Amino acid sequence: MKTRTLFMETTAISSAQTAGEIAGILVACGASQISTDYKDGKITGLRWLMNMRQVPTVYHLPVRAEAVFKVLNDRRSSAWDRKEKADKDRDQAERVAWRQLYRWVQAQAAMIDTGMMEAAEVFLPYADWGGRTLFEALAESGMKTLPAPREAAVAGQ
């Protein structure tokens, strides 16, 4: 059985370039500050400040490259091959994950541009809720209640 190709799987565009392109779109959508999150020298997400109906709100868009890595690496034919190609697969997974986020942000910007949605509406799941996204906070509660935010993160810090 043939394995389905992932969306944007063959991209060679760097994570840094794609993160910059996403930042440009966010500014066009109304972001007034943007910062980049890093871990071990790799870009792990973007944070930005944007008004939600005149209320300054911080948003956090994480990249979840590990999920893409698992798909790419699990395709390898043997445990030896998976181990041998892990670094290559991890690098490609980061590029793919960022490019997928870019395409998603482009689609959201198109809906904002046409007036179909407002920026806060499409980005609300990514509102920073004390160091995690609003969605993550809701998921942790079993989607039963919105827990109080942890100490809030500020864009640019």
C-alpha atoms as a PDB file:
ATOM      1  CA  MET A   1       0.000   0.000   0.000  1.00  0.00           C
ATOM      2  CA  LYS A   2       1.345   3.426  -0.974  1.00  0.00           C
ATOM      3  CA  THR A   3       1.874   5.904   1.839  1.00  0.00           C
ATOM      4  CA  ARG A   4       0.052   9.185   1.374  1.00  0.00           C
ATOM      5  CA  THR A   5       2.279  12.233   0.988  1.00  0.00           C
ATOM      6  CA  LEU A   6       1.881  14.834   3.718  1.00  0.00           C
ATOM      7  CA  PHE A   7       0.768  18.329   2.778  1.00  0.00           C
ATOM      8  CA  MET A   8       3.926  20.382   2.092  1.00  0.00           C
ATOM      9  CA  GLU A   9       6.092  17.295   2.683  1.00  0.00           C
ATOM     10  CA  THR A  10       8.753  18.130   0.118  1.00  0.00           C
ATOM     11  CA  THR A  11       9.380  21.725   1.177  1.00  0.00           C
ATOM     12  CA  ALA A  12      12.981  22.869   1.404  1.00  0.00           C
ATOM     13  CA  ILE A  13      12.081  26.283   2.863  1.00  0.00           C
ATOM     14  CA  SER A  14      13.712  26.868   6.237  1.00  0.00           C
ATOM     15  CA  SER A  15      11.710  27.147   9.434  1.00  0.00           C
ATOM     16  CA  ALA A  16      13.173  30.609  10.040  1.00  0.00           C
ATOM     17  CA  GLN A  17      12.072  31.883   6.628  1.00  0.00           C
ATOM     18  CA  THR A  18       8.578  30.473   7.075  1.00  0.00           C
ATOM     19  CA  ALA A  19       8.262  31.909  10.599  1.00  0.00           C
ATOM     20  CA  GLY A  20       9.193  35.299   9.127  1.00  0.00           C
ATOM     21  CA  GLU A  21       6.545  34.953   6.429  1.00  0.00           C
ATOM     22  CA  ILE A  22       3.944  34.073   9.065  1.00  0.00           C
ATOM     23  CA  ALA A  23       4.987  37.119  11.106  1.00  0.00           C
ATOM     24  CA  GLY A  24       4.377  39.313   8.062  1.00  0.00           C
ATOM     25  CA  ILE A  25       0.861  37.946   7.677  1.00  0.00           C
ATOM     26  CA  LEU A  26       0.144  38.444  11.382  1.00  0.00           C
ATOM     27  CA  VAL A  27       1.237  42.083  11.150  1.00  0.00           C
ATOM     28  CA  ALA A  28      -1.086  42.545   8.177  1.00  0.00           C
ATOM     29  CA  CYS A  29      -3.882  41.057  10.322  1.00  0.00           C
ATOM     30  CA  GLY A  30      -3.242  43.574  13.116  1.00  0.00           C
ATOM     31  CA  ALA A  31      -0.413  42.221  15.283  1.00  0.00           C
ATOM     32  CA  SER A  32       1.497  45.032  16.961  1.00  0.00           C
ATOM     33  CA  GLN A  33       4.318  42.978  18.505  1.00  0.00           C
ATOM     34  CA  ILE A  34       5.751  39.598  17.520  1.00  0.00           C
ATOM     35  CA  SER A  35       8.323  37.467  19.299  1.00  0.00           C
ATOM     36  CA  THR A  36       9.847  34.123  18.427  1.00  0.00           C
ATOM     37  CA  ASP A  37      10.116  31.213  20.871  1.00  0.00           C
ATOM     38  CA  TYR A  38      13.216  29.013  20.733  1.00  0.00           C
ATOM     39  CA  LYS A  39      14.297  25.770  22.371  1.00  0.00           C
ATOM     40  CA  ASP A  40      17.754  24.295  21.818  1.00  0.00           C
ATOM     41  CA  GLY A  41      18.336  26.818  19.029  1.00  0.00           C
ATOM     42  CA  LYS A  42      15.212  25.787  17.104  1.00  0.00           C
ATOM     43  CA  ILE A  43      12.136  27.949  16.542  1.00  0.00           C
ATOM     44  CA  THR A  44       9.238  26.448  18.482  1.00  0.00           C
ATOM     45  CA  GLY A  45       6.546  29.062  18.047  1.00  0.00           C
ATOM     46  CA  LEU A  46       5.472  32.654  17.630  1.00  0.00           C
ATOM     47  CA  ARG A  47       3.818  34.973  20.132  1.00  0.00           C
ATOM     48  CA  TRP A  48       2.108  38.173  19.153  1.00  0.00           C
ATOM     49  CA  LEU A  49       0.071  40.982  20.594  1.00  0.00           C
ATOM     50  CA  MET A  50      -3.173  41.889  18.866  1.00  0.00           C
ATOM     51  CA  ASN A  51      -6.282  43.641  20.046  1.00  0.00           C
ATOM     52  CA  MET A  52      -9.358  41.526  20.586  1.00  0.00           C
ATOM     53  CA  ARG A  53     -12.156  44.109  20.342  1.00  0.00           C
ATOM     54  CA  GLN A  54      -9.910  46.844  21.746  1.00  0.00           C
ATOM     55  CA  VAL A  55      -8.416  44.574  24.451  1.00  0.00           C
ATOM     56  CA  PRO A  56      -4.699  43.853  23.962  1.00  0.00           C
ATOM     57  CA  THR A  57      -4.336  40.064  23.852  1.00  0.00           C
ATOM     58  CA  VAL A  58      -1.273  37.853  23.568  1.00  0.00           C
ATOM     59  CA  TYR A  59      -1.497  34.868  21.232  1.00  0.00           C
ATOM     60  CA  HIS A  60       0.838  31.889  21.042  1.00  0.00           C
ATOM     61  CA  LEU A  61       1.145  29.758  17.914  1.00  0.00           C
ATOM     62  CA  PRO A  62       3.279  26.686  18.672  1.00  0.00           C
ATOM     63  CA  VAL A  63       4.718  24.458  16.000  1.00  0.00           C
ATOM     64  CA  ARG A  64       4.267  20.776  16.746  1.00  0.00           C
ATOM     65  CA  ALA A  65       6.942  19.244  14.558  1.00  0.00           C
ATOM     66  CA  GLU A  66       7.194  16.100  16.680  1.00  0.00           C
ATOM     67  CA  ALA A  67       3.890  14.827  15.259  1.00  0.00           C
ATOM     68  CA  VAL A  68       5.190  15.311  11.698  1.00  0.00           C
ATOM     69  CA  PHE A  69       8.502  13.683  12.644  1.00  0.00           C
ATOM     70  CA  LYS A  70       6.670  10.601  13.896  1.00  0.00           C
ATOM     71  CA  VAL A  71       4.829  10.226  10.577  1.00  0.00           C
ATOM     72  CA  LEU A  72       7.994  10.666   8.509  1.00  0.00           C
ATOM     73  CA  ASN A  73      10.213   8.481  10.667  1.00  0.00           C
ATOM     74  CA  ASP A  74       7.643   5.703  11.155  1.00  0.00           C
ATOM     75  CA  ARG A  75       7.645   5.183   7.386  1.00  0.00           C
ATOM     76  CA  ARG A  76      11.189   3.887   7.560  1.00  0.00           C
ATOM     77  CA  SER A  77      11.495   0.168   6.837  1.00  0.00           C
ATOM     78  CA  SER A  78      13.492  -0.864   9.906  1.00  0.00           C
ATOM     79  CA  ALA A  79      14.426   0.282  13.399  1.00  0.00           C
ATOM     80  CA  TRP A  80      17.997   0.750  12.176  1.00  0.00           C
ATOM     81  CA  ASP A  81      16.812   2.971   9.283  1.00  0.00           C
ATOM     82  CA  ARG A  82      14.559   4.981  11.624  1.00  0.00           C
ATOM     83  CA  LYS A  83      17.502   5.621  13.958  1.00  0.00           C
ATOM     84  CA  GLU A  84      19.953   6.327  11.132  1.00  0.00           C
ATOM     85  CA  LYS A  85      17.631   8.848   9.424  1.00  0.00           C
ATOM     86  CA  ALA A  86      16.152  10.424  12.575  1.00  0.00           C
ATOM     87  CA  ASP A  87      18.105  13.695  12.306  1.00  0.00           C
ATOM     88  CA  LYS A  88      17.211  14.098   8.630  1.00  0.00           C
ATOM     89  CA  ASP A  89      13.547  13.322   9.353  1.00  0.00           C
ATOM     90  CA  ARG A  90      13.481  15.735  12.307  1.00  0.00           C
ATOM     91  CA  ASP A  91      14.875  18.584  10.187  1.00  0.00           C
ATOM     92  CA  GLN A  92      12.355  17.893   7.421  1.00  0.00           C
ATOM     93  CA  ALA A  93       9.524  17.610   9.960  1.00  0.00           C
ATOM     94  CA  GLU A  94      10.318  21.086  11.270  1.00  0.00           C
ATOM     95  CA  ARG A  95      10.245  22.557   7.772  1.00  0.00           C
ATOM     96  CA  VAL A  96       6.989  20.761   6.945  1.00  0.00           C
ATOM     97  CA  ALA A  97       5.273  21.711  10.216  1.00  0.00           C
ATOM     98  CA  TRP A  98       6.175  25.379   9.772  1.00  0.00           C
ATOM     99  CA  ARG A  99       5.053  25.379   6.150  1.00  0.00           C
ATOM    100  CA  GLN A 100       1.729  23.807   7.109  1.00  0.00           C
ATOM    101  CA  LEU A 101       1.239  26.522   9.740  1.00  0.00           C
ATOM    102  CA  TYR A 102       2.044  29.125   7.105  1.00  0.00           C
ATOM    103  CA  ARG A 103      -0.640  27.815   4.761  1.00  0.00           C
ATOM    104  CA  TRP A 104      -3.146  27.699   7.631  1.00  0.00           C
ATOM    105  CA  VAL A 105      -2.365  31.308   8.607  1.00  0.00           C
ATOM    106  CA  GLN A 106      -2.701  32.359   4.949  1.00  0.00           C
ATOM    107  CA  ALA A 107      -6.178  30.814   4.829  1.00  0.00           C
ATOM    108  CA  GLN A 108      -7.186  32.551   8.067  1.00  0.00           C
ATOM    109  CA  ALA A 109      -5.901  35.872   6.722  1.00  0.00           C
ATOM    110  CA  ALA A 110      -8.020  35.419   3.585  1.00  0.00           C
ATOM    111  CA  MET A 111     -11.153  35.056   5.729  1.00  0.00           C
ATOM    112  CA  ILE A 112     -10.166  38.111   7.771  1.00  0.00           C
ATOM    113  CA  ASP A 113      -9.507  40.123   4.595  1.00  0.00           C
ATOM    114  CA  THR A 114     -12.963  39.343   3.213  1.00  0.00           C
ATOM    115  CA  GLY A 115     -14.708  40.145   6.491  1.00  0.00           C
ATOM    116  CA  MET A 116     -15.932  36.581   6.904  1.00  0.00           C
ATOM    117  CA  MET A 117     -14.245  36.496  10.315  1.00  0.00           C
ATOM    118  CA  GLU A 118     -12.385  38.829  12.592  1.00  0.00           C
ATOM    119  CA  ALA A 119      -8.788  38.136  13.591  1.00  0.00           C
ATOM    120  CA  ALA A 120      -9.645  37.395  17.217  1.00  0.00           C
ATOM    121  CA  GLU A 121     -12.218  34.841  16.084  1.00  0.00           C
ATOM    122  CA  VAL A 122      -9.789  32.709  14.104  1.00  0.00           C
ATOM    123  CA  PHE A 123      -6.863  33.060  16.482  1.00  0.00           C
ATOM    124  CA  LEU A 124      -8.816  32.753  19.768  1.00  0.00           C
ATOM    125  CA  PRO A 125      -7.773  29.122  20.408  1.00  0.00           C
ATOM    126  CA  TYR A 126      -4.197  30.445  20.453  1.00  0.00           C
ATOM    127  CA  ALA A 127      -4.824  33.223  22.997  1.00  0.00           C
ATOM    128  CA  ASP A 128      -2.174  32.908  25.677  1.00  0.00           C
ATOM    129  CA  TRP A 129      -3.685  31.546  28.866  1.00  0.00           C
ATOM    130  CA  GLY A 130      -0.833  31.743  31.332  1.00  0.00           C
ATOM    131  CA  GLY A 131       1.855  30.143  29.195  1.00  0.00           C
ATOM    132  CA  ARG A 132      -0.351  27.754  27.257  1.00  0.00           C
ATOM    133  CA  THR A 133      -2.920  28.290  24.575  1.00  0.00           C
ATOM    134  CA  LEU A 134      -6.560  28.759  25.469  1.00  0.00           C
ATOM    135  CA  PHE A 135      -7.271  25.479  23.701  1.00  0.00           C
ATOM    136  CA  GLU A 136      -4.620  23.668  25.777  1.00  0.00           C
ATOM    137  CA  ALA A 137      -6.115  25.105  28.989  1.00  0.00           C
ATOM    138  CA  LEU A 138      -9.587  23.912  27.991  1.00  0.00           C
ATOM    139  CA  ALA A 139      -8.298  20.497  26.941  1.00  0.00           C
ATOM    140  CA  GLU A 140      -6.516  20.055  30.284  1.00  0.00           C
ATOM    141  CA  SER A 141      -9.823  20.653  32.063  1.00  0.00           C
ATOM    142  CA  GLY A 142     -11.547  18.006  29.948  1.00  0.00           C
ATOM    143  CA  MET A 143     -13.380  20.821  28.132  1.00  0.00           C
ATOM    144  CA  LYS A 144     -15.580  21.199  31.203  1.00  0.00           C
ATOM    145  CA  THR A 145     -14.492  24.576  32.475  1.00  0.00           C
ATOM    146  CA  LEU A 146     -12.006  27.271  31.724  1.00  0.00           C
ATOM    147  CA  PRO A 147      -9.340  27.222  34.438  1.00  0.00           C
ATOM    148  CA  ALA A 148      -7.863  30.445  35.772  1.00  0.00           C
ATOM    149  CA  PRO A 149      -4.822  31.538  33.773  1.00  0.00           C
ATOM    150  CA  ARG A 150      -1.359  30.886  35.115  1.00  0.00           C
ATOM    151  CA  GLU A 151       0.933  33.873  35.383  1.00  0.00           C
ATOM    152  CA  ALA A 152       0.346  35.537  32.023  1.00  0.00           C
ATOM    153  CA  ALA A 153       3.143  35.693  29.466  1.00  0.00           C
ATOM    154  CA  VAL A 154       3.818  38.996  27.732  1.00  0.00           C
ATOM    155  CA  ALA A 155       4.813  39.244  24.086  1.00  0.00           C
ATOM    156  CA  GLY A 156       8.441  40.145  23.666  1.00  0.00           C
ATOM    157  CA  GLN A 157       9.591  38.817  27.063  1.00  0.00           C
END
